[in-house]
Amino acid sequence: MDPDAVRRSLEPTASAEEITGSTPARLHFYDPFVISGVSVESAEHGRLLCSFVVTPRHASPAGYLRSGVTATLADQLGSAVFFCSGLASSGVSLEISVSFVDVAAVGEEIEVEGKLLRVGKSIGVVSVDFRKKKTGKLMAQARHTKYLVASSKL
C-alpha cells in the first residue's frame, strides 16, 4: 500500500467555497460536497427525480463513482422524498441498503428517482434508483427506512 496514494485520493478536488458557495465550510462539509451539482428534475407527492453528472470529486482514482457518494445521495435524496410527501420532518435513518449493479464513469449523467413505498405512524420506507440517463440502465438501487415520529420536547 502506498500511503501517499491514499492521501492523494482523500484530498478534495474542489475548494470549500466551490462546494458550498461560502467560506468557511466547517460544518456539514460532506453533504454539500456530494449534493453540489445535483439538479431536481421533478418533485411530486411521493416521488423525486434528480440528475447529476459524475465529476472527478465524486470519483475514485480509477474514474468511477464512489460507492460512498451513492450511499450519501441515497440518504439525502431519499430523505427529500418524505418532504415531497408533505411530512414536516424526514425522520431519522434506521437502515440504508444499497445494491450496486454497474459502475458510472466521470462524465456520465446519472438520473436518481426516489419513490415513497410506505408511510406508517412511525416508520417510512423509500426506494432510490440510480440509472444512467443516456441508456436507462440501472446502476444502483437503495432502500431507505426511517423513523418518522417527532422528537419529544425536553
N, C-alpha and C. Protein backbone atom coordinates (compact mmCIF):
# COMPACT_ATOMS: atom_id res chain seq x y z
N MET A 1 0.85 -1.18 0.00
CA MET A 1 0.00 0.00 0.00
C MET A 1 0.90 1.24 0.00
N ASP A 2 0.55 2.20 -0.83
CA ASP A 2 1.29 3.44 -0.94
C ASP A 2 0.56 4.51 -0.14
N PRO A 3 1.09 4.93 1.04
CA PRO A 3 0.41 5.93 1.86
C PRO A 3 0.16 7.25 1.14
N ASP A 4 1.07 7.64 0.27
CA ASP A 4 0.87 8.89 -0.48
C ASP A 4 -0.30 8.79 -1.45
N ALA A 5 -0.48 7.64 -2.05
CA ALA A 5 -1.62 7.43 -2.96
C ALA A 5 -2.93 7.51 -2.19
N VAL A 6 -2.95 6.95 -0.98
CA VAL A 6 -4.15 7.03 -0.14
C VAL A 6 -4.44 8.48 0.22
N ARG A 7 -3.40 9.20 0.63
CA ARG A 7 -3.58 10.62 1.00
C ARG A 7 -4.11 11.42 -0.18
N ARG A 8 -3.52 11.20 -1.37
CA ARG A 8 -3.96 11.94 -2.56
C ARG A 8 -5.41 11.63 -2.91
N SER A 9 -5.84 10.39 -2.71
CA SER A 9 -7.22 10.02 -3.06
C SER A 9 -8.24 10.67 -2.13
N LEU A 10 -7.80 11.10 -0.93
CA LEU A 10 -8.71 11.73 0.03
C LEU A 10 -8.68 13.25 -0.02
N GLU A 11 -7.77 13.81 -0.79
CA GLU A 11 -7.70 15.26 -0.91
C GLU A 11 -8.86 15.77 -1.74
N PRO A 12 -9.48 16.86 -1.31
CA PRO A 12 -10.59 17.41 -2.10
C PRO A 12 -10.10 17.92 -3.44
N THR A 13 -10.96 17.78 -4.45
CA THR A 13 -10.63 18.27 -5.78
C THR A 13 -11.31 19.60 -6.05
N ALA A 14 -11.99 20.13 -5.05
CA ALA A 14 -12.63 21.44 -5.17
C ALA A 14 -12.47 22.15 -3.83
N SER A 15 -12.47 23.47 -3.87
CA SER A 15 -12.35 24.23 -2.63
C SER A 15 -13.67 24.23 -1.88
N ALA A 16 -13.63 24.55 -0.60
CA ALA A 16 -14.86 24.63 0.19
C ALA A 16 -15.82 25.66 -0.40
N GLU A 17 -15.27 26.76 -0.91
CA GLU A 17 -16.12 27.80 -1.50
C GLU A 17 -16.82 27.29 -2.76
N GLU A 18 -16.10 26.52 -3.60
CA GLU A 18 -16.71 25.96 -4.80
C GLU A 18 -17.82 24.96 -4.46
N ILE A 19 -17.63 24.24 -3.37
CA ILE A 19 -18.60 23.21 -3.00
C ILE A 19 -19.83 23.81 -2.36
N THR A 20 -19.65 24.72 -1.41
CA THR A 20 -20.79 25.22 -0.64
C THR A 20 -21.26 26.60 -1.04
N GLY A 21 -20.46 27.31 -1.82
CA GLY A 21 -20.82 28.67 -2.20
C GLY A 21 -20.48 29.70 -1.14
N SER A 22 -19.84 29.28 -0.06
CA SER A 22 -19.45 30.21 1.00
C SER A 22 -18.20 29.69 1.70
N THR A 23 -17.58 30.55 2.47
CA THR A 23 -16.42 30.12 3.25
C THR A 23 -16.61 30.58 4.68
N PRO A 24 -16.05 29.93 5.65
CA PRO A 24 -15.51 28.58 5.56
C PRO A 24 -16.63 27.54 5.67
N ALA A 25 -16.35 26.38 5.21
CA ALA A 25 -17.32 25.29 5.27
C ALA A 25 -16.92 24.35 6.40
N ARG A 26 -17.15 24.78 7.62
CA ARG A 26 -16.72 23.99 8.77
C ARG A 26 -17.70 22.89 9.09
N LEU A 27 -18.98 23.16 8.94
CA LEU A 27 -19.99 22.18 9.29
C LEU A 27 -20.63 21.59 8.04
N HIS A 28 -21.02 20.37 8.13
CA HIS A 28 -21.75 19.70 7.05
C HIS A 28 -20.97 19.75 5.73
N PHE A 29 -19.70 19.43 5.79
CA PHE A 29 -18.88 19.51 4.59
C PHE A 29 -19.23 18.43 3.58
N TYR A 30 -19.38 17.18 4.04
CA TYR A 30 -19.51 16.07 3.10
C TYR A 30 -20.81 16.14 2.30
N ASP A 31 -21.92 16.46 2.93
CA ASP A 31 -23.18 16.50 2.20
C ASP A 31 -23.17 17.53 1.07
N PRO A 32 -22.74 18.79 1.32
CA PRO A 32 -22.67 19.73 0.19
C PRO A 32 -21.67 19.29 -0.88
N PHE A 33 -20.61 18.62 -0.46
CA PHE A 33 -19.61 18.12 -1.39
C PHE A 33 -20.26 17.17 -2.38
N VAL A 34 -21.14 16.32 -1.92
CA VAL A 34 -21.82 15.34 -2.76
C VAL A 34 -23.01 15.97 -3.48
N ILE A 35 -23.81 16.75 -2.79
CA ILE A 35 -25.05 17.30 -3.33
C ILE A 35 -24.80 18.39 -4.38
N SER A 36 -23.68 19.09 -4.28
CA SER A 36 -23.39 20.16 -5.24
C SER A 36 -23.44 19.60 -6.65
N GLY A 37 -24.24 20.22 -7.50
CA GLY A 37 -24.37 19.79 -8.89
C GLY A 37 -25.58 18.90 -9.16
N VAL A 38 -26.29 18.50 -8.12
CA VAL A 38 -27.50 17.69 -8.30
C VAL A 38 -28.66 18.62 -8.67
N SER A 39 -29.34 18.31 -9.76
CA SER A 39 -30.47 19.12 -10.22
C SER A 39 -31.77 18.36 -9.97
N VAL A 40 -32.76 19.07 -9.46
CA VAL A 40 -34.08 18.48 -9.26
C VAL A 40 -34.84 18.62 -10.57
N GLU A 41 -35.21 17.50 -11.16
CA GLU A 41 -35.95 17.49 -12.42
C GLU A 41 -37.45 17.62 -12.17
N SER A 42 -37.94 16.89 -11.17
CA SER A 42 -39.36 16.99 -10.80
C SER A 42 -39.54 16.51 -9.37
N ALA A 43 -40.53 17.10 -8.73
CA ALA A 43 -40.88 16.71 -7.36
C ALA A 43 -42.40 16.69 -7.28
N GLU A 44 -42.93 15.58 -6.89
CA GLU A 44 -44.38 15.44 -6.72
C GLU A 44 -44.63 14.58 -5.50
N HIS A 45 -45.88 14.43 -5.13
CA HIS A 45 -46.20 13.68 -3.93
C HIS A 45 -45.64 12.25 -4.02
N GLY A 46 -44.72 11.94 -3.12
CA GLY A 46 -44.17 10.58 -3.04
C GLY A 46 -43.13 10.25 -4.08
N ARG A 47 -42.66 11.23 -4.85
CA ARG A 47 -41.67 10.94 -5.91
C ARG A 47 -40.77 12.15 -6.13
N LEU A 48 -39.48 11.88 -6.28
CA LEU A 48 -38.49 12.92 -6.56
C LEU A 48 -37.58 12.40 -7.66
N LEU A 49 -37.36 13.22 -8.68
CA LEU A 49 -36.48 12.85 -9.79
C LEU A 49 -35.38 13.90 -9.89
N CYS A 50 -34.13 13.43 -9.82
CA CYS A 50 -32.96 14.32 -9.87
C CYS A 50 -31.96 13.77 -10.88
N SER A 51 -30.97 14.60 -11.21
CA SER A 51 -29.89 14.13 -12.06
C SER A 51 -28.60 14.86 -11.68
N PHE A 52 -27.49 14.26 -12.03
CA PHE A 52 -26.18 14.87 -11.81
C PHE A 52 -25.19 14.22 -12.75
N VAL A 53 -24.11 14.93 -13.00
CA VAL A 53 -23.02 14.40 -13.80
C VAL A 53 -21.91 13.99 -12.84
N VAL A 54 -21.38 12.79 -13.03
CA VAL A 54 -20.28 12.30 -12.20
C VAL A 54 -19.05 13.17 -12.49
N THR A 55 -18.54 13.81 -11.45
CA THR A 55 -17.36 14.67 -11.59
C THR A 55 -16.15 14.00 -10.93
N PRO A 56 -14.96 14.50 -11.19
CA PRO A 56 -13.78 13.90 -10.56
C PRO A 56 -13.85 13.89 -9.03
N ARG A 57 -14.51 14.87 -8.41
CA ARG A 57 -14.58 14.87 -6.95
C ARG A 57 -15.47 13.74 -6.42
N HIS A 58 -16.36 13.20 -7.26
CA HIS A 58 -17.22 12.07 -6.88
C HIS A 58 -16.55 10.72 -7.15
N ALA A 59 -15.42 10.74 -7.83
CA ALA A 59 -14.87 9.50 -8.37
C ALA A 59 -13.65 8.98 -7.63
N SER A 60 -13.45 7.69 -7.79
CA SER A 60 -12.26 7.03 -7.28
C SER A 60 -11.09 7.37 -8.21
N PRO A 61 -9.86 7.04 -7.81
CA PRO A 61 -8.72 7.28 -8.70
C PRO A 61 -8.87 6.56 -10.05
N ALA A 62 -9.65 5.49 -10.09
CA ALA A 62 -9.88 4.76 -11.34
C ALA A 62 -10.90 5.48 -12.24
N GLY A 63 -11.57 6.51 -11.69
CA GLY A 63 -12.51 7.29 -12.51
C GLY A 63 -13.96 6.85 -12.42
N TYR A 64 -14.30 6.07 -11.41
CA TYR A 64 -15.68 5.60 -11.24
C TYR A 64 -16.33 6.22 -10.01
N LEU A 65 -17.64 6.41 -10.07
CA LEU A 65 -18.41 6.96 -8.96
C LEU A 65 -18.16 6.14 -7.70
N ARG A 66 -17.80 6.81 -6.62
CA ARG A 66 -17.55 6.12 -5.35
C ARG A 66 -18.85 5.60 -4.75
N SER A 67 -18.78 4.45 -4.13
CA SER A 67 -19.97 3.86 -3.51
C SER A 67 -20.48 4.72 -2.36
N GLY A 68 -19.58 5.39 -1.64
CA GLY A 68 -19.98 6.27 -0.53
C GLY A 68 -20.77 7.47 -1.01
N VAL A 69 -20.45 7.96 -2.19
CA VAL A 69 -21.21 9.08 -2.77
C VAL A 69 -22.62 8.60 -3.09
N THR A 70 -22.73 7.41 -3.67
CA THR A 70 -24.04 6.84 -3.98
C THR A 70 -24.85 6.66 -2.71
N ALA A 71 -24.23 6.15 -1.65
CA ALA A 71 -24.94 5.95 -0.38
C ALA A 71 -25.37 7.27 0.23
N THR A 72 -24.51 8.29 0.15
CA THR A 72 -24.87 9.61 0.68
C THR A 72 -26.04 10.20 -0.10
N LEU A 73 -26.01 10.05 -1.42
CA LEU A 73 -27.13 10.54 -2.23
C LEU A 73 -28.41 9.77 -1.92
N ALA A 74 -28.31 8.48 -1.68
CA ALA A 74 -29.49 7.70 -1.30
C ALA A 74 -30.07 8.23 0.01
N ASP A 75 -29.20 8.58 0.94
CA ASP A 75 -29.63 9.14 2.21
C ASP A 75 -30.29 10.51 2.01
N GLN A 76 -29.59 11.43 1.35
CA GLN A 76 -30.08 12.80 1.18
C GLN A 76 -31.33 12.85 0.31
N LEU A 77 -31.30 12.21 -0.84
CA LEU A 77 -32.44 12.28 -1.75
C LEU A 77 -33.60 11.42 -1.27
N GLY A 78 -33.29 10.31 -0.61
CA GLY A 78 -34.35 9.50 -0.01
C GLY A 78 -35.07 10.28 1.08
N SER A 79 -34.33 11.04 1.87
CA SER A 79 -34.94 11.88 2.90
C SER A 79 -35.83 12.95 2.28
N ALA A 80 -35.40 13.49 1.15
CA ALA A 80 -36.18 14.53 0.48
C ALA A 80 -37.52 14.02 -0.01
N VAL A 81 -37.62 12.74 -0.31
CA VAL A 81 -38.90 12.17 -0.75
C VAL A 81 -39.96 12.31 0.34
N PHE A 82 -39.55 12.20 1.60
CA PHE A 82 -40.51 12.38 2.68
C PHE A 82 -41.06 13.80 2.71
N PHE A 83 -40.20 14.78 2.44
CA PHE A 83 -40.68 16.16 2.36
C PHE A 83 -41.62 16.33 1.16
N CYS A 84 -41.31 15.65 0.05
CA CYS A 84 -42.20 15.70 -1.12
C CYS A 84 -43.57 15.12 -0.81
N SER A 85 -43.63 14.28 0.21
CA SER A 85 -44.88 13.63 0.58
C SER A 85 -45.69 14.44 1.58
N GLY A 86 -45.20 15.63 1.91
CA GLY A 86 -45.93 16.50 2.81
C GLY A 86 -45.62 16.33 4.28
N LEU A 87 -44.66 15.50 4.60
CA LEU A 87 -44.29 15.33 6.01
C LEU A 87 -43.46 16.51 6.48
N ALA A 88 -43.63 16.89 7.72
CA ALA A 88 -42.91 18.05 8.27
C ALA A 88 -41.45 17.72 8.59
N SER A 89 -41.13 16.44 8.75
CA SER A 89 -39.78 16.01 9.08
C SER A 89 -39.44 14.79 8.24
N SER A 90 -38.15 14.64 7.94
CA SER A 90 -37.74 13.45 7.20
C SER A 90 -37.35 12.31 8.14
N GLY A 91 -37.41 12.56 9.44
CA GLY A 91 -37.14 11.50 10.41
C GLY A 91 -35.67 11.18 10.58
N VAL A 92 -35.42 10.01 11.15
CA VAL A 92 -34.08 9.54 11.46
C VAL A 92 -33.87 8.21 10.75
N SER A 93 -32.75 8.07 10.08
CA SER A 93 -32.47 6.83 9.34
C SER A 93 -32.34 5.65 10.29
N LEU A 94 -33.03 4.58 9.95
CA LEU A 94 -32.90 3.31 10.66
C LEU A 94 -32.01 2.36 9.88
N GLU A 95 -32.19 2.38 8.56
CA GLU A 95 -31.42 1.47 7.71
C GLU A 95 -31.35 2.04 6.30
N ILE A 96 -30.19 1.91 5.72
CA ILE A 96 -29.99 2.23 4.31
C ILE A 96 -29.22 1.05 3.71
N SER A 97 -29.79 0.47 2.66
CA SER A 97 -29.07 -0.59 1.96
C SER A 97 -28.94 -0.19 0.50
N VAL A 98 -27.79 -0.47 -0.07
CA VAL A 98 -27.56 -0.13 -1.46
C VAL A 98 -27.01 -1.36 -2.18
N SER A 99 -27.64 -1.69 -3.31
CA SER A 99 -27.15 -2.75 -4.18
C SER A 99 -26.55 -2.10 -5.41
N PHE A 100 -25.30 -2.44 -5.70
CA PHE A 100 -24.60 -1.87 -6.85
C PHE A 100 -24.59 -2.90 -7.97
N VAL A 101 -25.08 -2.52 -9.14
CA VAL A 101 -25.14 -3.47 -10.25
C VAL A 101 -24.34 -3.03 -11.47
N ASP A 102 -23.82 -1.80 -11.44
CA ASP A 102 -23.00 -1.29 -12.54
C ASP A 102 -22.18 -0.11 -12.03
N VAL A 103 -21.21 0.33 -12.80
CA VAL A 103 -20.39 1.48 -12.43
C VAL A 103 -20.78 2.67 -13.31
N ALA A 104 -20.43 3.85 -12.83
CA ALA A 104 -20.62 5.08 -13.61
C ALA A 104 -19.29 5.80 -13.65
N ALA A 105 -18.89 6.20 -14.84
CA ALA A 105 -17.61 6.86 -15.03
C ALA A 105 -17.76 8.38 -14.98
N VAL A 106 -16.65 9.05 -14.76
CA VAL A 106 -16.62 10.51 -14.79
C VAL A 106 -17.19 10.97 -16.13
N GLY A 107 -18.08 11.95 -16.07
CA GLY A 107 -18.71 12.50 -17.28
C GLY A 107 -20.08 11.91 -17.58
N GLU A 108 -20.41 10.77 -16.98
CA GLU A 108 -21.73 10.18 -17.22
C GLU A 108 -22.80 10.91 -16.42
N GLU A 109 -23.96 11.09 -17.02
CA GLU A 109 -25.08 11.70 -16.32
C GLU A 109 -25.92 10.60 -15.70
N ILE A 110 -26.24 10.79 -14.44
CA ILE A 110 -26.99 9.81 -13.67
C ILE A 110 -28.35 10.41 -13.30
N GLU A 111 -29.39 9.62 -13.44
CA GLU A 111 -30.73 10.02 -13.03
C GLU A 111 -31.07 9.27 -11.75
N VAL A 112 -31.56 9.98 -10.77
CA VAL A 112 -31.88 9.39 -9.48
C VAL A 112 -33.37 9.58 -9.23
N GLU A 113 -34.07 8.47 -9.01
CA GLU A 113 -35.51 8.54 -8.76
C GLU A 113 -35.80 7.95 -7.38
N GLY A 114 -36.38 8.78 -6.52
CA GLY A 114 -36.79 8.33 -5.20
C GLY A 114 -38.30 8.19 -5.17
N LYS A 115 -38.77 7.06 -4.64
CA LYS A 115 -40.21 6.80 -4.55
C LYS A 115 -40.57 6.38 -3.14
N LEU A 116 -41.65 6.95 -2.66
CA LEU A 116 -42.18 6.56 -1.36
C LEU A 116 -42.85 5.20 -1.49
N LEU A 117 -42.41 4.24 -0.70
CA LEU A 117 -43.01 2.91 -0.73
C LEU A 117 -44.09 2.75 0.33
N ARG A 118 -43.82 3.33 1.52
CA ARG A 118 -44.80 3.20 2.60
C ARG A 118 -44.53 4.22 3.68
N VAL A 119 -45.61 4.76 4.23
CA VAL A 119 -45.52 5.61 5.41
C VAL A 119 -46.55 5.11 6.40
N GLY A 120 -46.09 4.74 7.59
CA GLY A 120 -46.98 4.34 8.66
C GLY A 120 -46.98 5.42 9.74
N LYS A 121 -47.43 5.05 10.94
CA LYS A 121 -47.46 6.03 12.03
C LYS A 121 -46.06 6.44 12.47
N SER A 122 -45.11 5.51 12.39
CA SER A 122 -43.77 5.84 12.88
C SER A 122 -42.64 5.45 11.93
N ILE A 123 -42.92 4.66 10.92
CA ILE A 123 -41.88 4.19 10.01
C ILE A 123 -42.24 4.53 8.57
N GLY A 124 -41.24 4.94 7.80
CA GLY A 124 -41.42 5.20 6.38
C GLY A 124 -40.32 4.51 5.59
N VAL A 125 -40.65 4.11 4.36
CA VAL A 125 -39.69 3.43 3.51
C VAL A 125 -39.70 4.06 2.12
N VAL A 126 -38.50 4.30 1.60
CA VAL A 126 -38.32 4.90 0.28
C VAL A 126 -37.38 4.01 -0.53
N SER A 127 -37.62 3.93 -1.84
CA SER A 127 -36.64 3.30 -2.73
C SER A 127 -35.98 4.40 -3.54
N VAL A 128 -34.70 4.23 -3.83
CA VAL A 128 -33.96 5.21 -4.61
C VAL A 128 -33.20 4.44 -5.70
N ASP A 129 -33.57 4.71 -6.96
CA ASP A 129 -32.92 4.05 -8.10
C ASP A 129 -31.96 5.01 -8.79
N PHE A 130 -30.78 4.53 -9.12
CA PHE A 130 -29.77 5.30 -9.83
C PHE A 130 -29.64 4.67 -11.22
N ARG A 131 -29.93 5.45 -12.25
CA ARG A 131 -29.86 4.96 -13.62
C ARG A 131 -28.98 5.86 -14.48
N LYS A 132 -28.32 5.25 -15.45
CA LYS A 132 -27.58 6.03 -16.42
C LYS A 132 -28.60 6.72 -17.32
N LYS A 133 -28.54 8.03 -17.38
CA LYS A 133 -29.57 8.79 -18.09
C LYS A 133 -29.60 8.46 -19.58
N LYS A 134 -28.45 8.26 -20.16
CA LYS A 134 -28.37 8.01 -21.60
C LYS A 134 -29.02 6.68 -22.00
N THR A 135 -28.82 5.65 -21.19
CA THR A 135 -29.29 4.31 -21.56
C THR A 135 -30.47 3.82 -20.71
N GLY A 136 -30.68 4.44 -19.56
CA GLY A 136 -31.71 3.98 -18.64
C GLY A 136 -31.30 2.75 -17.85
N LYS A 137 -30.06 2.33 -17.99
CA LYS A 137 -29.56 1.13 -17.31
C LYS A 137 -29.41 1.39 -15.81
N LEU A 138 -29.92 0.47 -15.00
CA LEU A 138 -29.82 0.57 -13.55
C LEU A 138 -28.37 0.45 -13.12
N MET A 139 -27.93 1.40 -12.29
CA MET A 139 -26.57 1.40 -11.79
C MET A 139 -26.53 0.96 -10.32
N ALA A 140 -27.50 1.44 -9.54
CA ALA A 140 -27.58 1.09 -8.12
C ALA A 140 -29.03 1.25 -7.66
N GLN A 141 -29.38 0.50 -6.64
CA GLN A 141 -30.72 0.60 -6.08
C GLN A 141 -30.60 0.60 -4.56
N ALA A 142 -31.27 1.57 -3.94
CA ALA A 142 -31.19 1.71 -2.49
C ALA A 142 -32.58 1.61 -1.87
N ARG A 143 -32.60 1.20 -0.62
CA ARG A 143 -33.82 1.21 0.18
C ARG A 143 -33.47 1.94 1.46
N HIS A 144 -34.31 2.91 1.82
CA HIS A 144 -34.04 3.78 2.96
C HIS A 144 -35.24 3.71 3.90
N THR A 145 -35.01 3.23 5.12
CA THR A 145 -36.05 3.13 6.13
C THR A 145 -35.79 4.17 7.20
N LYS A 146 -36.85 4.90 7.58
CA LYS A 146 -36.69 5.99 8.54
C LYS A 146 -37.74 5.92 9.65
N TYR A 147 -37.33 6.35 10.82
CA TYR A 147 -38.22 6.52 11.96
C TYR A 147 -38.76 7.93 11.87
N LEU A 148 -40.08 8.09 11.81
CA LEU A 148 -40.68 9.39 11.48
C LEU A 148 -41.30 10.13 12.66
N VAL A 149 -41.38 9.53 13.82
CA VAL A 149 -42.03 10.18 14.95
C VAL A 149 -41.21 11.38 15.39
N ALA A 150 -41.88 12.48 15.62
CA ALA A 150 -41.20 13.71 16.05
C ALA A 150 -40.55 13.49 17.41
N SER A 151 -39.42 14.14 17.60
CA SER A 151 -38.72 14.01 18.88
C SER A 151 -39.51 14.70 19.99
N SER A 152 -39.32 14.20 21.19
CA SER A 152 -40.01 14.79 22.34
C SER A 152 -39.42 16.15 22.67
N LYS A 153 -40.21 17.00 23.31
CA LYS A 153 -39.73 18.32 23.71
C LYS A 153 -39.22 18.22 25.14
N LEU A 154 -37.92 18.20 25.29
CA LEU A 154 -37.32 18.07 26.63
C LEU A 154 -37.00 19.41 27.20
